[in-house]
């Protein structure tokens, strides 16, 4: 069975990991997010779990519409555009909404040392 990983899950989990390491960091660039997502797909493939990232412009627009109370697009004064967690939302909100329904295998991969290392090292 193929797992479909939506951009909203990728963004939420990346932000959870980044904010837990630096409370001031409420932003994930699209470059970091994609490297994190690609690493997640590779880890799942090693476990013989088929997975697909749903990260096209259409999915991004849909995410921003559906989760406008959580996320907004920004470039943080650089050329690298990304997603920022809105003021008033915290890690606990992301955990409750986005992690509560994840399967254990996906949660394990989102929080694995290998995927988090990719997220933290990405430029």
PDB file of N, CA and C in Angstrom:
ATOM      1  N   UNK A   1       0.844  -1.180   0.000  1.00  0.00           N
ATOM      2  CA  UNK A   1       0.000   0.000   0.000  1.00  0.00           C
ATOM      3  C   UNK A   1       0.888   1.243   0.000  1.00  0.00           C
ATOM      4  N   UNK A   2       0.545   2.196  -0.810  1.00  0.00           N
ATOM      5  CA  UNK A   2       1.318   3.424  -0.958  1.00  0.00           C
ATOM      6  C   UNK A   2       0.863   4.464   0.072  1.00  0.00           C
ATOM      7  N   UNK A   3       1.836   5.130   0.682  1.00  0.00           N
ATOM      8  CA  UNK A   3       1.556   6.222   1.625  1.00  0.00           C
ATOM      9  C   UNK A   3       1.637   7.533   0.852  1.00  0.00           C
ATOM     10  N   UNK A   4       0.696   8.400   1.101  1.00  0.00           N
ATOM     11  CA  UNK A   4       0.699   9.727   0.492  1.00  0.00           C
ATOM     12  C   UNK A   4       0.987  10.741   1.589  1.00  0.00           C
ATOM     13  N   UNK A   5       2.050  11.500   1.399  1.00  0.00           N
ATOM     14  CA  UNK A   5       2.456  12.489   2.395  1.00  0.00           C
ATOM     15  C   UNK A   5       2.161  13.870   1.833  1.00  0.00           C
ATOM     16  N   UNK A   6       1.169  14.513   2.433  1.00  0.00           N
ATOM     17  CA  UNK A   6       0.769  15.840   1.985  1.00  0.00           C
ATOM     18  C   UNK A   6       1.739  16.908   2.453  1.00  0.00           C
ATOM     19  N   UNK A   7       1.775  18.002   1.713  1.00  0.00           N
ATOM     20  CA  UNK A   7       2.667  19.106   2.043  1.00  0.00           C
ATOM     21  C   UNK A   7       2.369  19.646   3.445  1.00  0.00           C
ATOM     22  N   UNK A   8       1.106  19.590   3.869  1.00  0.00           N
ATOM     23  CA  UNK A   8       0.757  20.096   5.197  1.00  0.00           C
ATOM     24  C   UNK A   8       1.412  19.263   6.299  1.00  0.00           C
ATOM     25  N   UNK A   9       1.503  17.946   6.106  1.00  0.00           N
ATOM     26  CA  UNK A   9       2.173  17.094   7.092  1.00  0.00           C
ATOM     27  C   UNK A   9       3.679  17.327   7.089  1.00  0.00           C
ATOM     28  N   UNK A  10       4.218  17.528   5.897  1.00  0.00           N
ATOM     29  CA  UNK A  10       5.650  17.803   5.780  1.00  0.00           C
ATOM     30  C   UNK A  10       5.998  19.122   6.467  1.00  0.00           C
ATOM     31  N   UNK A  11       5.244  20.162   6.199  1.00  0.00           N
ATOM     32  CA  UNK A  11       5.483  21.479   6.804  1.00  0.00           C
ATOM     33  C   UNK A  11       5.304  21.417   8.315  1.00  0.00           C
ATOM     34  N   UNK A  12       4.205  20.840   8.770  1.00  0.00           N
ATOM     35  CA  UNK A  12       3.921  20.797  10.209  1.00  0.00           C
ATOM     36  C   UNK A  12       5.004  20.039  10.959  1.00  0.00           C
ATOM     37  N   UNK A  13       5.414  18.891  10.442  1.00  0.00           N
ATOM     38  CA  UNK A  13       6.435  18.105  11.125  1.00  0.00           C
ATOM     39  C   UNK A  13       7.807  18.765  11.077  1.00  0.00           C
ATOM     40  N   UNK A  14       8.124  19.415   9.974  1.00  0.00           N
ATOM     41  CA  UNK A  14       9.388  20.160   9.895  1.00  0.00           C
ATOM     42  C   UNK A  14       9.388  21.295  10.913  1.00  0.00           C
ATOM     43  N   UNK A  15       8.289  22.026  11.005  1.00  0.00           N
ATOM     44  CA  UNK A  15       8.202  23.135  11.963  1.00  0.00           C
ATOM     45  C   UNK A  15       8.278  22.634  13.403  1.00  0.00           C
ATOM     46  N   UNK A  16       7.629  21.525  13.703  1.00  0.00           N
ATOM     47  CA  UNK A  16       7.712  20.966  15.055  1.00  0.00           C
ATOM     48  C   UNK A  16       9.165  20.704  15.419  1.00  0.00           C
ATOM     49  N   UNK A  17       9.886  20.038  14.531  1.00  0.00           N
ATOM     50  CA  UNK A  17      11.280  19.696  14.821  1.00  0.00           C
ATOM     51  C   UNK A  17      12.166  20.939  14.927  1.00  0.00           C
ATOM     52  N   UNK A  18      11.952  21.906  14.054  1.00  0.00           N
ATOM     53  CA  UNK A  18      12.764  23.129  14.091  1.00  0.00           C
ATOM     54  C   UNK A  18      12.471  23.970  15.334  1.00  0.00           C
ATOM     55  N   UNK A  19      11.208  24.134  15.668  1.00  0.00           N
ATOM     56  CA  UNK A  19      10.831  24.958  16.821  1.00  0.00           C
ATOM     57  C   UNK A  19      11.285  24.302  18.122  1.00  0.00           C
ATOM     58  N   UNK A  20      11.223  22.976  18.195  1.00  0.00           N
ATOM     59  CA  UNK A  20      11.675  22.296  19.411  1.00  0.00           C
ATOM     60  C   UNK A  20      13.165  22.499  19.659  1.00  0.00           C
ATOM     61  N   UNK A  21      13.914  22.752  18.609  1.00  0.00           N
ATOM     62  CA  UNK A  21      15.349  22.977  18.755  1.00  0.00           C
ATOM     63  C   UNK A  21      15.694  24.460  18.937  1.00  0.00           C
ATOM     64  N   UNK A  22      14.834  25.325  18.412  1.00  0.00           N
ATOM     65  CA  UNK A  22      15.045  26.770  18.518  1.00  0.00           C
ATOM     66  C   UNK A  22      13.675  27.433  18.538  1.00  0.00           C
ATOM     67  N   UNK A  23      13.249  27.832  19.720  1.00  0.00           N
ATOM     68  CA  UNK A  23      11.910  28.384  19.901  1.00  0.00           C
ATOM     69  C   UNK A  23      11.653  29.620  19.039  1.00  0.00           C
ATOM     70  N   UNK A  24      12.711  30.304  18.634  1.00  0.00           N
ATOM     71  CA  UNK A  24      12.572  31.500  17.799  1.00  0.00           C
ATOM     72  C   UNK A  24      12.339  31.154  16.332  1.00  0.00           C
ATOM     73  N   UNK A  25      12.644  29.925  15.946  1.00  0.00           N
ATOM     74  CA  UNK A  25      12.522  29.492  14.552  1.00  0.00           C
ATOM     75  C   UNK A  25      11.090  29.050  14.282  1.00  0.00           C
ATOM     76  N   UNK A  26      10.346  29.875  13.566  1.00  0.00           N
ATOM     77  CA  UNK A  26       8.948  29.551  13.230  1.00  0.00           C
ATOM     78  C   UNK A  26       8.777  29.498  11.709  1.00  0.00           C
ATOM     79  N   UNK A  27       9.864  29.205  11.005  1.00  0.00           N
ATOM     80  CA  UNK A  27       9.905  29.266   9.545  1.00  0.00           C
ATOM     81  C   UNK A  27      10.663  28.061   9.007  1.00  0.00           C
ATOM     82  N   UNK A  28      10.153  27.481   7.926  1.00  0.00           N
ATOM     83  CA  UNK A  28      10.884  26.448   7.201  1.00  0.00           C
ATOM     84  C   UNK A  28      10.881  26.839   5.726  1.00  0.00           C
ATOM     85  N   UNK A  29      12.067  26.883   5.142  1.00  0.00           N
ATOM     86  CA  UNK A  29      12.163  27.225   3.720  1.00  0.00           C
ATOM     87  C   UNK A  29      11.700  26.040   2.879  1.00  0.00           C
ATOM     88  N   UNK A  30      11.295  26.341   1.652  1.00  0.00           N
ATOM     89  CA  UNK A  30      10.882  25.261   0.760  1.00  0.00           C
ATOM     90  C   UNK A  30      12.054  24.340   0.441  1.00  0.00           C
ATOM     91  N   UNK A  31      13.263  24.893   0.393  1.00  0.00           N
ATOM     92  CA  UNK A  31      14.453  24.066   0.134  1.00  0.00           C
ATOM     93  C   UNK A  31      14.638  23.046   1.257  1.00  0.00           C
ATOM     94  N   UNK A  32      14.606  23.517   2.510  1.00  0.00           N
ATOM     95  CA  UNK A  32      14.746  22.605   3.653  1.00  0.00           C
ATOM     96  C   UNK A  32      13.623  21.581   3.677  1.00  0.00           C
ATOM     97  N   UNK A  33      12.419  22.058   3.450  1.00  0.00           N
ATOM     98  CA  UNK A  33      11.263  21.171   3.495  1.00  0.00           C
ATOM     99  C   UNK A  33      11.387  20.062   2.447  1.00  0.00           C
ATOM    100  N   UNK A  34      11.820  20.404   1.253  1.00  0.00           N
ATOM    101  CA  UNK A  34      11.942  19.400   0.198  1.00  0.00           C
ATOM    102  C   UNK A  34      13.057  18.398   0.505  1.00  0.00           C
ATOM    103  N   UNK A  35      14.166  18.863   1.043  1.00  0.00           N
ATOM    104  CA  UNK A  35      15.249  17.938   1.414  1.00  0.00           C
ATOM    105  C   UNK A  35      14.791  16.987   2.514  1.00  0.00           C
ATOM    106  N   UNK A  36      14.041  17.514   3.471  1.00  0.00           N
ATOM    107  CA  UNK A  36      13.458  16.707   4.542  1.00  0.00           C
ATOM    108  C   UNK A  36      12.505  15.673   3.935  1.00  0.00           C
ATOM    109  N   UNK A  37      11.648  16.095   3.033  1.00  0.00           N
ATOM    110  CA  UNK A  37      10.690  15.191   2.395  1.00  0.00           C
ATOM    111  C   UNK A  37      11.359  14.103   1.576  1.00  0.00           C
ATOM    112  N   UNK A  38      12.383  14.477   0.845  1.00  0.00           N
ATOM    113  CA  UNK A  38      13.100  13.491   0.030  1.00  0.00           C
ATOM    114  C   UNK A  38      13.770  12.449   0.918  1.00  0.00           C
ATOM    115  N   UNK A  39      14.351  12.902   2.029  1.00  0.00           N
ATOM    116  CA  UNK A  39      14.982  11.964   2.974  1.00  0.00           C
ATOM    117  C   UNK A  39      13.921  11.024   3.556  1.00  0.00           C
ATOM    118  N   UNK A  40      12.758  11.545   3.874  1.00  0.00           N
ATOM    119  CA  UNK A  40      11.677  10.719   4.414  1.00  0.00           C
ATOM    120  C   UNK A  40      11.277   9.637   3.417  1.00  0.00           C
ATOM    121  N   UNK A  41      11.156  10.006   2.151  1.00  0.00           N
ATOM    122  CA  UNK A  41      10.807   9.035   1.103  1.00  0.00           C
ATOM    123  C   UNK A  41      11.893   7.961   1.000  1.00  0.00           C
ATOM    124  N   UNK A  42      13.163   8.367   1.069  1.00  0.00           N
ATOM    125  CA  UNK A  42      14.267   7.392   0.990  1.00  0.00           C
ATOM    126  C   UNK A  42      14.243   6.431   2.171  1.00  0.00           C
ATOM    127  N   UNK A  43      13.987   6.938   3.352  1.00  0.00           N
ATOM    128  CA  UNK A  43      13.926   6.066   4.540  1.00  0.00           C
ATOM    129  C   UNK A  43      12.774   5.071   4.400  1.00  0.00           C
ATOM    130  N   UNK A  44      11.625   5.554   3.953  1.00  0.00           N
ATOM    131  CA  UNK A  44      10.487   4.659   3.761  1.00  0.00           C
ATOM    132  C   UNK A  44      10.789   3.598   2.703  1.00  0.00           C
ATOM    133  N   UNK A  45      11.459   4.014   1.641  1.00  0.00           N
ATOM    134  CA  UNK A  45      11.812   3.063   0.583  1.00  0.00           C
ATOM    135  C   UNK A  45      12.742   1.971   1.122  1.00  0.00           C
ATOM    136  N   UNK A  46      13.700   2.355   1.983  1.00  0.00           N
ATOM    137  CA  UNK A  46      14.598   1.376   2.612  1.00  0.00           C
ATOM    138  C   UNK A  46      13.815   0.374   3.459  1.00  0.00           C
ATOM    139  N   UNK A  47      12.691   0.814   3.994  1.00  0.00           N
ATOM    140  CA  UNK A  47      11.829  -0.062   4.800  1.00  0.00           C
ATOM    141  C   UNK A  47      10.803  -0.783   3.935  1.00  0.00           C
ATOM    142  N   UNK A  48      10.962  -0.628   2.622  1.00  0.00           N
ATOM    143  CA  UNK A  48      10.070  -1.240   1.640  1.00  0.00           C
ATOM    144  C   UNK A  48       8.630  -0.752   1.777  1.00  0.00           C
ATOM    145  N   UNK A  49       8.502   0.539   2.079  1.00  0.00           N
ATOM    146  CA  UNK A  49       7.200   1.190   2.146  1.00  0.00           C
ATOM    147  C   UNK A  49       7.151   2.200   1.009  1.00  0.00           C
ATOM    148  N   UNK A  50       6.198   2.026   0.113  1.00  0.00           N
ATOM    149  CA  UNK A  50       6.042   2.949  -1.004  1.00  0.00           C
ATOM    150  C   UNK A  50       5.408   4.243  -0.507  1.00  0.00           C
ATOM    151  N   UNK A  51       5.964   5.382  -0.946  1.00  0.00           N
ATOM    152  CA  UNK A  51       5.422   6.670  -0.513  1.00  0.00           C
ATOM    153  C   UNK A  51       5.601   7.712  -1.606  1.00  0.00           C
ATOM    154  N   UNK A  52       4.697   8.689  -1.585  1.00  0.00           N
ATOM    155  CA  UNK A  52       4.712   9.775  -2.559  1.00  0.00           C
ATOM    156  C   UNK A  52       4.504  11.088  -1.815  1.00  0.00           C
ATOM    157  N   UNK A  53       5.320  12.095  -2.150  1.00  0.00           N
ATOM    158  CA  UNK A  53       5.131  13.441  -1.611  1.00  0.00           C
ATOM    159  C   UNK A  53       4.146  14.197  -2.487  1.00  0.00           C
ATOM    160  N   UNK A  54       3.179  14.859  -1.879  1.00  0.00           N
ATOM    161  CA  UNK A  54       2.208  15.671  -2.605  1.00  0.00           C
ATOM    162  C   UNK A  54       2.559  17.133  -2.343  1.00  0.00           C
ATOM    163  N   UNK A  55       3.450  17.686  -3.185  1.00  0.00           N
ATOM    164  CA  UNK A  55       4.005  19.015  -2.915  1.00  0.00           C
ATOM    165  C   UNK A  55       3.950  19.975  -4.100  1.00  0.00           C
ATOM    166  N   UNK A  56       3.078  19.757  -5.036  1.00  0.00           N
ATOM    167  CA  UNK A  56       2.996  20.646  -6.197  1.00  0.00           C
ATOM    168  C   UNK A  56       2.454  22.017  -5.787  1.00  0.00           C
ATOM    169  N   UNK A  57       2.469  22.961  -6.719  1.00  0.00           N
ATOM    170  CA  UNK A  57       1.896  24.285  -6.453  1.00  0.00           C
ATOM    171  C   UNK A  57       0.432  24.188  -6.057  1.00  0.00           C
ATOM    172  N   UNK A  58      -0.268  23.284  -6.710  1.00  0.00           N
ATOM    173  CA  UNK A  58      -1.685  23.096  -6.406  1.00  0.00           C
ATOM    174  C   UNK A  58      -1.876  22.640  -4.953  1.00  0.00           C
ATOM    175  N   UNK A  59      -1.065  21.677  -4.515  1.00  0.00           N
ATOM    176  CA  UNK A  59      -1.154  21.204  -3.137  1.00  0.00           C
ATOM    177  C   UNK A  59      -0.746  22.301  -2.153  1.00  0.00           C
ATOM    178  N   UNK A  60       0.251  23.090  -2.538  1.00  0.00           N
ATOM    179  CA  UNK A  60       0.674  24.201  -1.673  1.00  0.00           C
ATOM    180  C   UNK A  60      -0.466  25.208  -1.512  1.00  0.00           C
ATOM    181  N   UNK A  61      -1.100  25.567  -2.607  1.00  0.00           N
ATOM    182  CA  UNK A  61      -2.224  26.509  -2.551  1.00  0.00           C
ATOM    183  C   UNK A  61      -3.367  25.957  -1.711  1.00  0.00           C
ATOM    184  N   UNK A  62      -3.649  24.677  -1.896  1.00  0.00           N
ATOM    185  CA  UNK A  62      -4.714  24.025  -1.132  1.00  0.00           C
ATOM    186  C   UNK A  62      -4.382  24.020   0.364  1.00  0.00           C
ATOM    187  N   UNK A  63      -3.118  23.747   0.700  1.00  0.00           N
ATOM    188  CA  UNK A  63      -2.693  23.752   2.094  1.00  0.00           C
ATOM    189  C   UNK A  63      -2.873  25.138   2.703  1.00  0.00           C
ATOM    190  N   UNK A  64      -2.438  26.155   1.980  1.00  0.00           N
ATOM    191  CA  UNK A  64      -2.534  27.522   2.498  1.00  0.00           C
ATOM    192  C   UNK A  64      -3.990  27.944   2.689  1.00  0.00           C
ATOM    193  N   UNK A  65      -4.866  27.447   1.849  1.00  0.00           N
ATOM    194  CA  UNK A  65      -6.293  27.745   1.993  1.00  0.00           C
ATOM    195  C   UNK A  65      -6.886  26.971   3.180  1.00  0.00           C
ATOM    196  N   UNK A  66      -6.627  25.665   3.212  1.00  0.00           N
ATOM    197  CA  UNK A  66      -7.217  24.808   4.244  1.00  0.00           C
ATOM    198  C   UNK A  66      -6.648  25.058   5.643  1.00  0.00           C
ATOM    199  N   UNK A  67      -5.405  25.484   5.711  1.00  0.00           N
ATOM    200  CA  UNK A  67      -4.742  25.674   7.003  1.00  0.00           C
ATOM    201  C   UNK A  67      -4.256  27.110   7.170  1.00  0.00           C
ATOM    202  N   UNK A  68      -5.053  28.042   6.692  1.00  0.00           N
ATOM    203  CA  UNK A  68      -4.675  29.461   6.764  1.00  0.00           C
ATOM    204  C   UNK A  68      -4.570  29.959   8.196  1.00  0.00           C
ATOM    205  N   UNK A  69      -5.180  29.266   9.130  1.00  0.00           N
ATOM    206  CA  UNK A  69      -5.054  29.657  10.534  1.00  0.00           C
ATOM    207  C   UNK A  69      -3.749  29.161  11.147  1.00  0.00           C
ATOM    208  N   UNK A  70      -3.004  28.299  10.441  1.00  0.00           N
ATOM    209  CA  UNK A  70      -1.722  27.782  10.912  1.00  0.00           C
ATOM    210  C   UNK A  70      -0.520  28.375  10.169  1.00  0.00           C
ATOM    211  N   UNK A  71      -0.614  28.465   8.835  1.00  0.00           N
ATOM    212  CA  UNK A  71       0.566  28.754   8.016  1.00  0.00           C
ATOM    213  C   UNK A  71       0.369  29.959   7.109  1.00  0.00           C
ATOM    214  N   UNK A  72       1.501  30.593   6.783  1.00  0.00           N
ATOM    215  CA  UNK A  72       1.518  31.652   5.774  1.00  0.00           C
ATOM    216  C   UNK A  72       2.849  31.584   5.031  1.00  0.00           C
ATOM    217  N   UNK A  73       2.836  32.017   3.772  1.00  0.00           N
ATOM    218  CA  UNK A  73       4.049  32.045   2.963  1.00  0.00           C
ATOM    219  C   UNK A  73       4.807  33.328   3.265  1.00  0.00           C
ATOM    220  N   UNK A  74       6.113  33.205   3.362  1.00  0.00           N
ATOM    221  CA  UNK A  74       6.963  34.374   3.573  1.00  0.00           C
ATOM    222  C   UNK A  74       8.339  34.084   2.996  1.00  0.00           C
ATOM    223  N   UNK A  75       9.124  35.133   2.801  1.00  0.00           N
ATOM    224  CA  UNK A  75      10.497  34.908   2.341  1.00  0.00           C
ATOM    225  C   UNK A  75      11.513  35.339   3.380  1.00  0.00           C
ATOM    226  N   UNK A  76      11.063  35.802   4.533  1.00  0.00           N
ATOM    227  CA  UNK A  76      11.932  36.172   5.653  1.00  0.00           C
ATOM    228  C   UNK A  76      13.085  37.079   5.238  1.00  0.00           C
ATOM    229  N   UNK A  77      12.858  37.926   4.253  1.00  0.00           N
ATOM    230  CA  UNK A  77      13.875  38.879   3.822  1.00  0.00           C
ATOM    231  C   UNK A  77      14.992  38.274   2.996  1.00  0.00           C
ATOM    232  N   UNK A  78      14.809  37.050   2.520  1.00  0.00           N
ATOM    233  CA  UNK A  78      15.822  36.396   1.685  1.00  0.00           C
ATOM    234  C   UNK A  78      15.179  35.981   0.374  1.00  0.00           C
ATOM    235  N   UNK A  79      15.969  35.364  -0.471  1.00  0.00           N
ATOM    236  CA  UNK A  79      15.444  34.850  -1.735  1.00  0.00           C
ATOM    237  C   UNK A  79      14.713  33.529  -1.550  1.00  0.00           C
ATOM    238  N   UNK A  80      14.889  32.906  -0.403  1.00  0.00           N
ATOM    239  CA  UNK A  80      14.324  31.590  -0.164  1.00  0.00           C
ATOM    240  C   UNK A  80      12.945  31.692   0.478  1.00  0.00           C
ATOM    241  N   UNK A  81      11.938  31.393  -0.299  1.00  0.00           N
ATOM    242  CA  UNK A  81      10.565  31.441   0.189  1.00  0.00           C
ATOM    243  C   UNK A  81      10.286  30.203   1.042  1.00  0.00           C
ATOM    244  N   UNK A  82       9.357  30.342   1.972  1.00  0.00           N
ATOM    245  CA  UNK A  82       9.004  29.213   2.810  1.00  0.00           C
ATOM    246  C   UNK A  82       7.695  29.445   3.527  1.00  0.00           C
ATOM    247  N   UNK A  83       7.463  28.622   4.521  1.00  0.00           N
ATOM    248  CA  UNK A  83       6.226  28.661   5.298  1.00  0.00           C
ATOM    249  C   UNK A  83       6.550  29.046   6.736  1.00  0.00           C
ATOM    250  N   UNK A  84       5.742  29.926   7.256  1.00  0.00           N
ATOM    251  CA  UNK A  84       5.905  30.387   8.629  1.00  0.00           C
ATOM    252  C   UNK A  84       4.673  29.994   9.442  1.00  0.00           C
ATOM    253  N   UNK A  85       4.910  29.605  10.691  1.00  0.00           N
ATOM    254  CA  UNK A  85       3.810  29.321  11.601  1.00  0.00           C
ATOM    255  C   UNK A  85       3.229  30.646  12.065  1.00  0.00           C
ATOM    256  N   UNK A  86       1.931  30.771  11.983  1.00  0.00           N
ATOM    257  CA  UNK A  86       1.275  32.035  12.334  1.00  0.00           C
ATOM    258  C   UNK A  86       1.383  32.333  13.824  1.00  0.00           C
ATOM    259  N   UNK A  87       1.392  33.613  14.132  1.00  0.00           N
ATOM    260  CA  UNK A  87       1.407  34.077  15.511  1.00  0.00           C
ATOM    261  C   UNK A  87       0.163  33.532  16.211  1.00  0.00           C
ATOM    262  N   UNK A  88       0.339  33.072  17.413  1.00  0.00           N
ATOM    263  CA  UNK A  88      -0.768  32.499  18.173  1.00  0.00           C
ATOM    264  C   UNK A  88      -0.818  30.985  18.109  1.00  0.00           C
ATOM    265  N   UNK A  89      -0.113  30.384  17.167  1.00  0.00           N
ATOM    266  CA  UNK A  89      -0.047  28.928  17.063  1.00  0.00           C
ATOM    267  C   UNK A  89       1.282  28.455  17.649  1.00  0.00           C
ATOM    268  N   UNK A  90       1.233  27.325  18.324  1.00  0.00           N
ATOM    269  CA  UNK A  90       2.415  26.777  18.994  1.00  0.00           C
ATOM    270  C   UNK A  90       2.631  25.327  18.573  1.00  0.00           C
ATOM    271  N   UNK A  91       3.753  24.772  18.999  1.00  0.00           N
ATOM    272  CA  UNK A  91       4.077  23.384  18.683  1.00  0.00           C
ATOM    273  C   UNK A  91       2.966  22.446  19.147  1.00  0.00           C
ATOM    274  N   UNK A  92       2.401  22.697  20.316  1.00  0.00           N
ATOM    275  CA  UNK A  92       1.339  21.813  20.815  1.00  0.00           C
ATOM    276  C   UNK A  92       0.137  21.803  19.863  1.00  0.00           C
ATOM    277  N   UNK A  93      -0.138  22.941  19.237  1.00  0.00           N
ATOM    278  CA  UNK A  93      -1.238  22.995  18.262  1.00  0.00           C
ATOM    279  C   UNK A  93      -0.921  22.128  17.046  1.00  0.00           C
ATOM    280  N   UNK A  94       0.326  22.208  16.576  1.00  0.00           N
ATOM    281  CA  UNK A  94       0.743  21.390  15.433  1.00  0.00           C
ATOM    282  C   UNK A  94       0.690  19.905  15.788  1.00  0.00           C
ATOM    283  N   UNK A  95       1.186  19.566  16.967  1.00  0.00           N
ATOM    284  CA  UNK A  95       1.177  18.167  17.404  1.00  0.00           C
ATOM    285  C   UNK A  95      -0.252  17.623  17.466  1.00  0.00           C
ATOM    286  N   UNK A  96      -1.132  18.371  18.087  1.00  0.00           N
ATOM    287  CA  UNK A  96      -2.518  17.915  18.246  1.00  0.00           C
ATOM    288  C   UNK A  96      -3.226  17.747  16.904  1.00  0.00           C
ATOM    289  N   UNK A  97      -3.004  18.682  15.998  1.00  0.00           N
ATOM    290  CA  UNK A  97      -3.737  18.641  14.729  1.00  0.00           C
ATOM    291  C   UNK A  97      -3.094  17.717  13.695  1.00  0.00           C
ATOM    292  N   UNK A  98      -1.766  17.765  13.575  1.00  0.00           N
ATOM    293  CA  UNK A  98      -1.105  17.064  12.467  1.00  0.00           C
ATOM    294  C   UNK A  98      -0.483  15.726  12.851  1.00  0.00           C
ATOM    295  N   UNK A  99      -0.115  15.534  14.100  1.00  0.00           N
ATOM    296  CA  UNK A  99       0.512  14.264  14.478  1.00  0.00           C
ATOM    297  C   UNK A  99      -0.455  13.266  15.085  1.00  0.00           C
ATOM    298  N   UNK A 100      -1.586  13.709  15.517  1.00  0.00           N
ATOM    299  CA  UNK A 100      -2.502  12.809  16.225  1.00  0.00           C
ATOM    300  C   UNK A 100      -3.043  11.682  15.342  1.00  0.00           C
ATOM    301  N   UNK A 101      -3.105  11.896  14.038  1.00  0.00           N
ATOM    302  CA  UNK A 101      -3.658  10.875  13.144  1.00  0.00           C
ATOM    303  C   UNK A 101      -2.607  10.171  12.280  1.00  0.00           C
ATOM    304  N   UNK A 102      -1.333  10.506  12.482  1.00  0.00           N
ATOM    305  CA  UNK A 102      -0.281   9.852  11.705  1.00  0.00           C
ATOM    306  C   UNK A 102      -0.122   8.398  12.128  1.00  0.00           C
ATOM    307  N   UNK A 103       0.169   7.549  11.173  1.00  0.00           N
ATOM    308  CA  UNK A 103       0.485   6.163  11.509  1.00  0.00           C
ATOM    309  C   UNK A 103       1.842   6.126  12.199  1.00  0.00           C
ATOM    310  N   UNK A 104       2.078   5.088  12.965  1.00  0.00           N
ATOM    311  CA  UNK A 104       3.332   4.980  13.715  1.00  0.00           C
ATOM    312  C   UNK A 104       4.545   4.972  12.788  1.00  0.00           C
ATOM    313  N   UNK A 105       4.442   4.260  11.667  1.00  0.00           N
ATOM    314  CA  UNK A 105       5.597   4.202  10.765  1.00  0.00           C
ATOM    315  C   UNK A 105       5.927   5.581  10.192  1.00  0.00           C
ATOM    316  N   UNK A 106       4.909   6.387   9.873  1.00  0.00           N
ATOM    317  CA  UNK A 106       5.182   7.737   9.378  1.00  0.00           C
ATOM    318  C   UNK A 106       5.724   8.638  10.483  1.00  0.00           C
ATOM    319  N   UNK A 107       5.150   8.551  11.661  1.00  0.00           N
ATOM    320  CA  UNK A 107       5.644   9.352  12.782  1.00  0.00           C
ATOM    321  C   UNK A 107       7.097   9.011  13.086  1.00  0.00           C
ATOM    322  N   UNK A 108       7.429   7.733  13.064  1.00  0.00           N
ATOM    323  CA  UNK A 108       8.817   7.314  13.312  1.00  0.00           C
ATOM    324  C   UNK A 108       9.773   7.914  12.284  1.00  0.00           C
ATOM    325  N   UNK A 109       9.350   7.973  11.032  1.00  0.00           N
ATOM    326  CA  UNK A 109      10.217   8.512   9.979  1.00  0.00           C
ATOM    327  C   UNK A 109      10.321  10.033  10.089  1.00  0.00           C
ATOM    328  N   UNK A 110       9.216  10.712  10.351  1.00  0.00           N
ATOM    329  CA  UNK A 110       9.248  12.169  10.521  1.00  0.00           C
ATOM    330  C   UNK A 110      10.175  12.586  11.665  1.00  0.00           C
ATOM    331  N   UNK A 111      10.265  11.744  12.690  1.00  0.00           N
ATOM    332  CA  UNK A 111      11.045  12.095  13.876  1.00  0.00           C
ATOM    333  C   UNK A 111      12.385  11.364  13.964  1.00  0.00           C
ATOM    334  N   UNK A 112      12.743  10.643  12.929  1.00  0.00           N
ATOM    335  CA  UNK A 112      14.006   9.895  12.961  1.00  0.00           C
ATOM    336  C   UNK A 112      15.204  10.844  12.932  1.00  0.00           C
ATOM    337  N   UNK A 113      16.282  10.402  13.543  1.00  0.00           N
ATOM    338  CA  UNK A 113      17.513  11.200  13.563  1.00  0.00           C
ATOM    339  C   UNK A 113      17.988  11.524  12.151  1.00  0.00           C
ATOM    340  N   UNK A 114      17.844  10.558  11.257  1.00  0.00           N
ATOM    341  CA  UNK A 114      18.302  10.732   9.875  1.00  0.00           C
ATOM    342  C   UNK A 114      17.528  11.830   9.145  1.00  0.00           C
ATOM    343  N   UNK A 115      16.214  11.841   9.277  1.00  0.00           N
ATOM    344  CA  UNK A 115      15.425  12.858   8.574  1.00  0.00           C
ATOM    345  C   UNK A 115      15.611  14.231   9.224  1.00  0.00           C
ATOM    346  N   UNK A 116      15.704  14.265  10.544  1.00  0.00           N
ATOM    347  CA  UNK A 116      15.896  15.540  11.238  1.00  0.00           C
ATOM    348  C   UNK A 116      17.277  16.121  10.915  1.00  0.00           C
ATOM    349  N   UNK A 117      18.268  15.262  10.798  1.00  0.00           N
ATOM    350  CA  UNK A 117      19.612  15.720  10.426  1.00  0.00           C
ATOM    351  C   UNK A 117      19.572  16.412   9.065  1.00  0.00           C
ATOM    352  N   UNK A 118      18.840  15.839   8.134  1.00  0.00           N
ATOM    353  CA  UNK A 118      18.688  16.438   6.799  1.00  0.00           C
ATOM    354  C   UNK A 118      18.016  17.796   6.899  1.00  0.00           C
ATOM    355  N   UNK A 119      17.004  17.899   7.730  1.00  0.00           N
ATOM    356  CA  UNK A 119      16.283  19.150   7.923  1.00  0.00           C
ATOM    357  C   UNK A 119      17.187  20.223   8.516  1.00  0.00           C
ATOM    358  N   UNK A 120      17.993  19.855   9.485  1.00  0.00           N
ATOM    359  CA  UNK A 120      18.864  20.809  10.164  1.00  0.00           C
ATOM    360  C   UNK A 120      20.072  21.204   9.318  1.00  0.00           C
ATOM    361  N   UNK A 121      20.531  20.309   8.443  1.00  0.00           N
ATOM    362  CA  UNK A 121      21.706  20.594   7.632  1.00  0.00           C
ATOM    363  C   UNK A 121      21.374  21.291   6.326  1.00  0.00           C
ATOM    364  N   UNK A 122      20.150  21.195   5.872  1.00  0.00           N
ATOM    365  CA  UNK A 122      19.772  21.780   4.573  1.00  0.00           C
ATOM    366  C   UNK A 122      19.990  23.290   4.588  1.00  0.00           C
ATOM    367  N   UNK A 123      20.428  23.788   3.452  1.00  0.00           N
ATOM    368  CA  UNK A 123      20.699  25.228   3.335  1.00  0.00           C
ATOM    369  C   UNK A 123      19.439  25.963   3.001  1.00  0.00           C
TER     370      UNK A 123
END
